[in-house]
Amino acid sequence: MKEIEQRLTENGVRPTAMRILIYKYMAESEVAIALTDIENAFAKADRTTLFRTLKTFEQKGVVHQIDDGTGVQKYALCETGCNCELEQDLHLHFHCNNCNETVCLTEHKIPNINLPEGYVAEDANLVLKGICEKCSAQ
């Protein structure tokens, strides 16, 4: 728990009990999670509190949002030291068409793309789709 409190504090997030629980829940998940996953895990918690916690985490660089094309935004914890900068922190995501899970492939970075003059990138999201390791082994 001390590590979680330290990580939140380092990112400028006050470590409340609910924030620590949500961080712990996300850290224990091997896949990106949707707000509904968090709502189901914390059924007695106020939905607004859960949403605001995710948004605070996103604004402070604790989590990043993933648009995997399913129409449901998913979230995953950022790596330590991540600033979600286009030039150095972006990585691939993989969405399984079979089990519908999305995972971060943090060891596979998105290369820097030189845009034509006058173009300014504000966000990048690269999602590969197919069959994940779990499903292909079945």
N, C-alpha and C. Protein backbone atom coordinates (compact mmCIF):
# COMPACT_ATOMS: atom_id res chain seq x y z
N MET A 1 0.82 -1.20 0.00
CA MET A 1 0.00 0.00 0.00
C MET A 1 0.86 1.27 0.00
N LYS A 2 2.00 1.21 0.69
CA LYS A 2 2.89 2.37 0.74
C LYS A 2 3.39 2.74 -0.65
N GLU A 3 3.65 1.70 -1.48
CA GLU A 3 4.13 1.96 -2.84
C GLU A 3 3.05 2.69 -3.64
N ILE A 4 1.81 2.28 -3.45
CA ILE A 4 0.70 2.92 -4.17
C ILE A 4 0.56 4.37 -3.73
N GLU A 5 0.59 4.59 -2.42
CA GLU A 5 0.50 5.96 -1.91
C GLU A 5 1.62 6.82 -2.46
N GLN A 6 2.83 6.27 -2.49
CA GLN A 6 3.98 7.01 -3.01
C GLN A 6 3.81 7.33 -4.49
N ARG A 7 3.36 6.36 -5.27
CA ARG A 7 3.16 6.57 -6.71
C ARG A 7 2.12 7.65 -6.96
N LEU A 8 1.01 7.60 -6.22
CA LEU A 8 -0.03 8.61 -6.39
C LEU A 8 0.50 9.99 -6.00
N THR A 9 1.18 10.06 -4.87
CA THR A 9 1.73 11.34 -4.40
C THR A 9 2.73 11.91 -5.40
N GLU A 10 3.59 11.05 -5.95
CA GLU A 10 4.57 11.50 -6.95
C GLU A 10 3.91 12.09 -8.18
N ASN A 11 2.69 11.63 -8.48
CA ASN A 11 1.95 12.13 -9.64
C ASN A 11 1.01 13.28 -9.27
N GLY A 12 1.09 13.75 -8.02
CA GLY A 12 0.25 14.87 -7.61
C GLY A 12 -1.18 14.49 -7.30
N VAL A 13 -1.41 13.23 -6.94
CA VAL A 13 -2.75 12.75 -6.60
C VAL A 13 -2.79 12.45 -5.10
N ARG A 14 -3.76 13.06 -4.41
CA ARG A 14 -3.91 12.79 -2.98
C ARG A 14 -4.38 11.35 -2.80
N PRO A 15 -3.65 10.54 -2.04
CA PRO A 15 -3.98 9.11 -1.91
C PRO A 15 -5.11 8.82 -0.93
N THR A 16 -6.36 9.01 -1.38
CA THR A 16 -7.52 8.68 -0.55
C THR A 16 -7.71 7.17 -0.56
N ALA A 17 -8.52 6.68 0.34
CA ALA A 17 -8.78 5.23 0.42
C ALA A 17 -9.33 4.69 -0.90
N MET A 18 -10.29 5.39 -1.49
CA MET A 18 -10.89 4.92 -2.75
C MET A 18 -9.87 4.94 -3.89
N ARG A 19 -9.06 5.97 -3.96
CA ARG A 19 -8.05 6.04 -5.02
C ARG A 19 -7.04 4.92 -4.89
N ILE A 20 -6.66 4.61 -3.66
CA ILE A 20 -5.72 3.50 -3.43
C ILE A 20 -6.35 2.19 -3.86
N LEU A 21 -7.62 1.97 -3.52
CA LEU A 21 -8.31 0.73 -3.90
C LEU A 21 -8.44 0.59 -5.42
N ILE A 22 -8.77 1.69 -6.09
CA ILE A 22 -8.90 1.65 -7.55
C ILE A 22 -7.55 1.39 -8.20
N TYR A 23 -6.51 2.05 -7.71
CA TYR A 23 -5.16 1.82 -8.24
C TYR A 23 -4.78 0.35 -8.06
N LYS A 24 -5.01 -0.18 -6.87
CA LYS A 24 -4.68 -1.58 -6.58
C LYS A 24 -5.44 -2.52 -7.51
N TYR A 25 -6.72 -2.24 -7.72
CA TYR A 25 -7.55 -3.05 -8.62
C TYR A 25 -6.97 -3.04 -10.03
N MET A 26 -6.58 -1.86 -10.50
CA MET A 26 -6.02 -1.74 -11.85
C MET A 26 -4.66 -2.43 -11.95
N ALA A 27 -3.87 -2.32 -10.89
CA ALA A 27 -2.53 -2.93 -10.89
C ALA A 27 -2.64 -4.46 -10.94
N GLU A 28 -3.68 -5.00 -10.36
CA GLU A 28 -3.86 -6.45 -10.33
C GLU A 28 -4.46 -6.99 -11.63
N SER A 29 -4.96 -6.11 -12.47
CA SER A 29 -5.56 -6.54 -13.74
C SER A 29 -4.48 -6.64 -14.82
N GLU A 30 -4.53 -7.69 -15.58
CA GLU A 30 -3.56 -7.86 -16.67
C GLU A 30 -4.05 -7.24 -17.97
N VAL A 31 -5.29 -6.76 -17.97
CA VAL A 31 -5.88 -6.17 -19.16
C VAL A 31 -6.36 -4.76 -18.85
N ALA A 32 -6.57 -3.98 -19.91
CA ALA A 32 -7.15 -2.65 -19.74
C ALA A 32 -8.59 -2.80 -19.26
N ILE A 33 -9.02 -1.88 -18.43
CA ILE A 33 -10.36 -2.01 -17.86
C ILE A 33 -11.23 -0.80 -18.19
N ALA A 34 -12.53 -1.06 -18.29
CA ALA A 34 -13.50 -0.01 -18.56
C ALA A 34 -14.07 0.50 -17.25
N LEU A 35 -14.69 1.66 -17.30
CA LEU A 35 -15.34 2.22 -16.12
C LEU A 35 -16.36 1.23 -15.56
N THR A 36 -17.07 0.52 -16.42
CA THR A 36 -18.07 -0.44 -15.94
C THR A 36 -17.42 -1.57 -15.15
N ASP A 37 -16.20 -1.96 -15.50
CA ASP A 37 -15.47 -2.98 -14.73
C ASP A 37 -15.22 -2.48 -13.31
N ILE A 38 -14.82 -1.23 -13.20
CA ILE A 38 -14.57 -0.63 -11.89
C ILE A 38 -15.88 -0.50 -11.11
N GLU A 39 -16.94 -0.08 -11.80
CA GLU A 39 -18.24 0.03 -11.14
C GLU A 39 -18.71 -1.32 -10.61
N ASN A 40 -18.48 -2.38 -11.37
CA ASN A 40 -18.87 -3.73 -10.92
C ASN A 40 -18.03 -4.19 -9.74
N ALA A 41 -16.75 -3.85 -9.76
CA ALA A 41 -15.85 -4.26 -8.67
C ALA A 41 -16.12 -3.49 -7.39
N PHE A 42 -16.59 -2.26 -7.52
CA PHE A 42 -16.88 -1.41 -6.37
C PHE A 42 -18.34 -0.99 -6.40
N ALA A 43 -19.22 -1.97 -6.39
CA ALA A 43 -20.66 -1.76 -6.58
C ALA A 43 -21.27 -0.81 -5.55
N LYS A 44 -20.71 -0.77 -4.35
CA LYS A 44 -21.28 0.09 -3.31
C LYS A 44 -20.77 1.52 -3.38
N ALA A 45 -19.77 1.76 -4.22
CA ALA A 45 -19.20 3.10 -4.34
C ALA A 45 -20.04 3.97 -5.27
N ASP A 46 -19.97 5.26 -5.07
CA ASP A 46 -20.68 6.22 -5.90
C ASP A 46 -20.06 6.23 -7.31
N ARG A 47 -20.88 6.10 -8.33
CA ARG A 47 -20.38 6.05 -9.71
C ARG A 47 -19.62 7.33 -10.09
N THR A 48 -20.09 8.45 -9.61
CA THR A 48 -19.42 9.72 -9.91
C THR A 48 -18.02 9.74 -9.33
N THR A 49 -17.87 9.23 -8.12
CA THR A 49 -16.54 9.16 -7.48
C THR A 49 -15.60 8.30 -8.31
N LEU A 50 -16.09 7.16 -8.79
CA LEU A 50 -15.26 6.26 -9.59
C LEU A 50 -14.83 6.95 -10.89
N PHE A 51 -15.79 7.61 -11.56
CA PHE A 51 -15.49 8.31 -12.81
C PHE A 51 -14.48 9.43 -12.57
N ARG A 52 -14.70 10.21 -11.54
CA ARG A 52 -13.79 11.33 -11.25
C ARG A 52 -12.39 10.82 -10.89
N THR A 53 -12.34 9.69 -10.20
CA THR A 53 -11.03 9.11 -9.86
C THR A 53 -10.28 8.73 -11.13
N LEU A 54 -10.97 8.07 -12.07
CA LEU A 54 -10.32 7.71 -13.34
C LEU A 54 -9.85 8.94 -14.09
N LYS A 55 -10.68 9.97 -14.14
CA LYS A 55 -10.33 11.20 -14.85
C LYS A 55 -9.15 11.90 -14.17
N THR A 56 -9.12 11.91 -12.85
CA THR A 56 -7.99 12.49 -12.12
C THR A 56 -6.72 11.70 -12.43
N PHE A 57 -6.82 10.37 -12.38
CA PHE A 57 -5.67 9.53 -12.71
C PHE A 57 -5.18 9.83 -14.12
N GLU A 58 -6.10 10.00 -15.05
CA GLU A 58 -5.70 10.27 -16.43
C GLU A 58 -5.02 11.64 -16.55
N GLN A 59 -5.60 12.65 -15.95
CA GLN A 59 -5.03 14.01 -16.01
C GLN A 59 -3.65 14.08 -15.36
N LYS A 60 -3.42 13.28 -14.33
CA LYS A 60 -2.17 13.32 -13.60
C LYS A 60 -1.15 12.29 -14.10
N GLY A 61 -1.47 11.57 -15.18
CA GLY A 61 -0.52 10.64 -15.77
C GLY A 61 -0.37 9.32 -15.02
N VAL A 62 -1.39 8.95 -14.25
CA VAL A 62 -1.36 7.67 -13.55
C VAL A 62 -1.87 6.56 -14.47
N VAL A 63 -2.87 6.90 -15.28
CA VAL A 63 -3.42 5.95 -16.26
C VAL A 63 -3.46 6.61 -17.62
N HIS A 64 -3.58 5.79 -18.64
CA HIS A 64 -3.83 6.32 -19.98
C HIS A 64 -5.10 5.67 -20.52
N GLN A 65 -5.77 6.41 -21.37
CA GLN A 65 -7.02 5.95 -21.96
C GLN A 65 -6.72 5.24 -23.28
N ILE A 66 -7.47 4.18 -23.55
CA ILE A 66 -7.29 3.41 -24.77
C ILE A 66 -8.60 3.33 -25.52
N ASP A 67 -8.59 3.78 -26.75
CA ASP A 67 -9.75 3.62 -27.63
C ASP A 67 -9.45 2.42 -28.51
N ASP A 68 -10.04 1.27 -28.16
CA ASP A 68 -9.75 0.04 -28.88
C ASP A 68 -10.76 -0.26 -30.00
N GLY A 69 -11.62 0.72 -30.29
CA GLY A 69 -12.58 0.56 -31.38
C GLY A 69 -13.87 -0.13 -30.98
N THR A 70 -14.01 -0.48 -29.70
CA THR A 70 -15.22 -1.16 -29.25
C THR A 70 -16.32 -0.17 -28.87
N GLY A 71 -15.98 1.11 -28.79
CA GLY A 71 -16.95 2.12 -28.37
C GLY A 71 -16.93 2.33 -26.86
N VAL A 72 -16.13 1.55 -26.15
CA VAL A 72 -16.01 1.68 -24.70
C VAL A 72 -14.57 2.06 -24.38
N GLN A 73 -14.40 3.22 -23.75
CA GLN A 73 -13.05 3.64 -23.38
C GLN A 73 -12.51 2.72 -22.30
N LYS A 74 -11.25 2.35 -22.45
CA LYS A 74 -10.61 1.50 -21.46
C LYS A 74 -9.41 2.26 -20.90
N TYR A 75 -8.97 1.82 -19.73
CA TYR A 75 -7.89 2.50 -19.03
C TYR A 75 -6.87 1.47 -18.54
N ALA A 76 -5.61 1.88 -18.54
CA ALA A 76 -4.53 1.04 -18.01
C ALA A 76 -3.53 1.93 -17.30
N LEU A 77 -2.88 1.37 -16.30
CA LEU A 77 -1.88 2.14 -15.56
C LEU A 77 -0.70 2.48 -16.46
N CYS A 78 -0.18 3.68 -16.28
CA CYS A 78 1.02 4.08 -17.00
C CYS A 78 2.23 3.45 -16.33
N GLU A 79 3.28 3.28 -17.10
CA GLU A 79 4.54 2.80 -16.53
C GLU A 79 5.13 3.89 -15.64
N THR A 80 5.94 3.50 -14.69
CA THR A 80 6.63 4.47 -13.85
C THR A 80 7.49 5.37 -14.74
N GLY A 81 7.39 6.66 -14.52
CA GLY A 81 8.17 7.62 -15.30
C GLY A 81 7.50 8.05 -16.59
N CYS A 82 6.35 7.51 -16.89
CA CYS A 82 5.62 7.87 -18.12
C CYS A 82 5.04 9.26 -17.98
N ASN A 83 5.17 10.05 -19.02
CA ASN A 83 4.55 11.37 -19.07
C ASN A 83 3.51 11.44 -20.18
N CYS A 84 3.22 10.28 -20.78
CA CYS A 84 2.27 10.18 -21.89
C CYS A 84 2.64 11.17 -23.01
N GLU A 85 3.94 11.25 -23.27
CA GLU A 85 4.42 12.14 -24.32
C GLU A 85 4.45 11.41 -25.65
N LEU A 86 4.01 12.11 -26.71
CA LEU A 86 3.96 11.50 -28.03
C LEU A 86 5.31 10.97 -28.49
N GLU A 87 6.38 11.68 -28.13
CA GLU A 87 7.69 11.32 -28.66
C GLU A 87 8.30 10.07 -28.03
N GLN A 88 7.92 9.73 -26.78
CA GLN A 88 8.66 8.66 -26.12
C GLN A 88 7.83 7.64 -25.35
N ASP A 89 6.59 7.93 -25.01
CA ASP A 89 5.87 7.04 -24.11
C ASP A 89 4.78 6.19 -24.77
N LEU A 90 4.55 6.36 -26.04
CA LEU A 90 3.46 5.62 -26.67
C LEU A 90 3.86 4.20 -27.02
N HIS A 91 2.93 3.28 -26.77
CA HIS A 91 3.19 1.87 -27.04
C HIS A 91 1.98 1.26 -27.74
N LEU A 92 2.17 0.06 -28.24
CA LEU A 92 1.08 -0.64 -28.92
C LEU A 92 0.07 -1.18 -27.92
N HIS A 93 -1.15 -1.34 -28.41
CA HIS A 93 -2.20 -2.03 -27.66
C HIS A 93 -2.71 -3.15 -28.55
N PHE A 94 -3.18 -4.22 -27.93
CA PHE A 94 -3.71 -5.35 -28.69
C PHE A 94 -5.11 -5.66 -28.18
N HIS A 95 -6.07 -5.69 -29.11
CA HIS A 95 -7.46 -6.03 -28.77
C HIS A 95 -7.79 -7.39 -29.37
N CYS A 96 -8.22 -8.32 -28.50
CA CYS A 96 -8.58 -9.66 -28.96
C CYS A 96 -10.02 -9.67 -29.44
N ASN A 97 -10.21 -10.08 -30.66
CA ASN A 97 -11.56 -10.17 -31.23
C ASN A 97 -12.36 -11.32 -30.65
N ASN A 98 -11.69 -12.24 -29.98
CA ASN A 98 -12.37 -13.41 -29.42
C ASN A 98 -12.86 -13.14 -27.99
N CYS A 99 -11.96 -12.77 -27.08
CA CYS A 99 -12.34 -12.56 -25.67
C CYS A 99 -12.67 -11.10 -25.36
N ASN A 100 -12.43 -10.21 -26.32
CA ASN A 100 -12.75 -8.79 -26.21
C ASN A 100 -11.87 -8.05 -25.19
N GLU A 101 -10.74 -8.63 -24.81
CA GLU A 101 -9.83 -7.96 -23.88
C GLU A 101 -8.81 -7.13 -24.65
N THR A 102 -8.38 -6.05 -24.02
CA THR A 102 -7.36 -5.18 -24.60
C THR A 102 -6.19 -5.13 -23.64
N VAL A 103 -4.98 -5.30 -24.16
CA VAL A 103 -3.78 -5.28 -23.33
C VAL A 103 -2.78 -4.26 -23.87
N CYS A 104 -1.98 -3.73 -22.96
CA CYS A 104 -0.88 -2.85 -23.35
C CYS A 104 0.32 -3.71 -23.70
N LEU A 105 0.96 -3.38 -24.79
CA LEU A 105 2.21 -4.03 -25.17
C LEU A 105 3.31 -2.98 -24.98
N THR A 106 3.60 -2.71 -23.69
CA THR A 106 4.48 -1.59 -23.35
C THR A 106 5.90 -1.75 -23.87
N GLU A 107 6.31 -2.99 -24.10
CA GLU A 107 7.67 -3.19 -24.60
C GLU A 107 7.78 -2.88 -26.10
N HIS A 108 6.65 -2.66 -26.75
CA HIS A 108 6.62 -2.34 -28.18
C HIS A 108 6.19 -0.88 -28.34
N LYS A 109 7.17 0.00 -28.49
CA LYS A 109 6.91 1.43 -28.59
C LYS A 109 6.49 1.81 -30.02
N ILE A 110 5.65 2.83 -30.11
CA ILE A 110 5.27 3.37 -31.41
C ILE A 110 6.40 4.29 -31.86
N PRO A 111 6.93 4.07 -33.05
CA PRO A 111 8.04 4.92 -33.50
C PRO A 111 7.56 6.36 -33.75
N ASN A 112 8.49 7.29 -33.60
CA ASN A 112 8.17 8.69 -33.86
C ASN A 112 7.89 8.87 -35.34
N ILE A 113 6.80 9.52 -35.66
CA ILE A 113 6.41 9.74 -37.06
C ILE A 113 6.62 11.21 -37.39
N ASN A 114 7.39 11.48 -38.41
CA ASN A 114 7.64 12.86 -38.84
C ASN A 114 6.47 13.32 -39.69
N LEU A 115 5.73 14.27 -39.18
CA LEU A 115 4.58 14.81 -39.90
C LEU A 115 5.01 15.94 -40.83
N PRO A 116 4.22 16.18 -41.86
CA PRO A 116 4.53 17.31 -42.74
C PRO A 116 4.47 18.63 -41.97
N GLU A 117 5.17 19.62 -42.48
CA GLU A 117 5.20 20.92 -41.83
C GLU A 117 3.79 21.47 -41.68
N GLY A 118 3.53 22.04 -40.52
CA GLY A 118 2.22 22.61 -40.26
C GLY A 118 1.28 21.67 -39.53
N TYR A 119 1.61 20.38 -39.46
CA TYR A 119 0.79 19.40 -38.75
C TYR A 119 1.34 19.24 -37.34
N VAL A 120 0.43 19.21 -36.36
CA VAL A 120 0.84 19.04 -34.97
C VAL A 120 0.04 17.89 -34.37
N ALA A 121 0.71 16.80 -34.02
CA ALA A 121 0.03 15.65 -33.41
C ALA A 121 -0.28 15.97 -31.96
N GLU A 122 -1.49 15.64 -31.54
CA GLU A 122 -1.89 15.85 -30.15
C GLU A 122 -2.12 14.52 -29.43
N ASP A 123 -2.33 13.46 -30.19
CA ASP A 123 -2.58 12.16 -29.60
C ASP A 123 -2.29 11.11 -30.65
N ALA A 124 -1.96 9.92 -30.19
CA ALA A 124 -1.77 8.79 -31.09
C ALA A 124 -2.23 7.53 -30.36
N ASN A 125 -2.85 6.64 -31.12
CA ASN A 125 -3.36 5.42 -30.51
C ASN A 125 -3.25 4.32 -31.56
N LEU A 126 -2.42 3.35 -31.30
CA LEU A 126 -2.25 2.26 -32.24
C LEU A 126 -2.72 0.96 -31.59
N VAL A 127 -3.80 0.42 -32.13
CA VAL A 127 -4.40 -0.80 -31.61
C VAL A 127 -4.35 -1.86 -32.70
N LEU A 128 -3.68 -2.95 -32.39
CA LEU A 128 -3.69 -4.10 -33.28
C LEU A 128 -4.84 -5.00 -32.85
N LYS A 129 -5.51 -5.61 -33.81
CA LYS A 129 -6.64 -6.48 -33.49
C LYS A 129 -6.39 -7.86 -34.05
N GLY A 130 -6.81 -8.85 -33.30
CA GLY A 130 -6.64 -10.23 -33.73
C GLY A 130 -7.00 -11.17 -32.61
N ILE A 131 -6.27 -12.26 -32.48
CA ILE A 131 -6.51 -13.26 -31.45
C ILE A 131 -5.34 -13.24 -30.48
N CYS A 132 -5.65 -13.09 -29.18
CA CYS A 132 -4.59 -12.99 -28.17
C CYS A 132 -3.95 -14.35 -27.88
N GLU A 133 -2.89 -14.28 -27.11
CA GLU A 133 -2.12 -15.48 -26.75
C GLU A 133 -2.99 -16.50 -26.02
N LYS A 134 -3.83 -16.02 -25.09
CA LYS A 134 -4.71 -16.93 -24.32
C LYS A 134 -5.67 -17.67 -25.24
N CYS A 135 -6.32 -16.91 -26.12
CA CYS A 135 -7.34 -17.51 -27.00
C CYS A 135 -6.73 -18.40 -28.07
N SER A 136 -5.56 -18.04 -28.58
CA SER A 136 -4.94 -18.85 -29.63
C SER A 136 -4.40 -20.17 -29.09
N ALA A 137 -4.19 -20.24 -27.75
CA ALA A 137 -3.69 -21.46 -27.13
C ALA A 137 -4.81 -22.47 -26.83
N GLN A 138 -6.05 -22.03 -26.97
CA GLN A 138 -7.19 -22.92 -26.64
C GLN A 138 -7.52 -23.85 -27.77
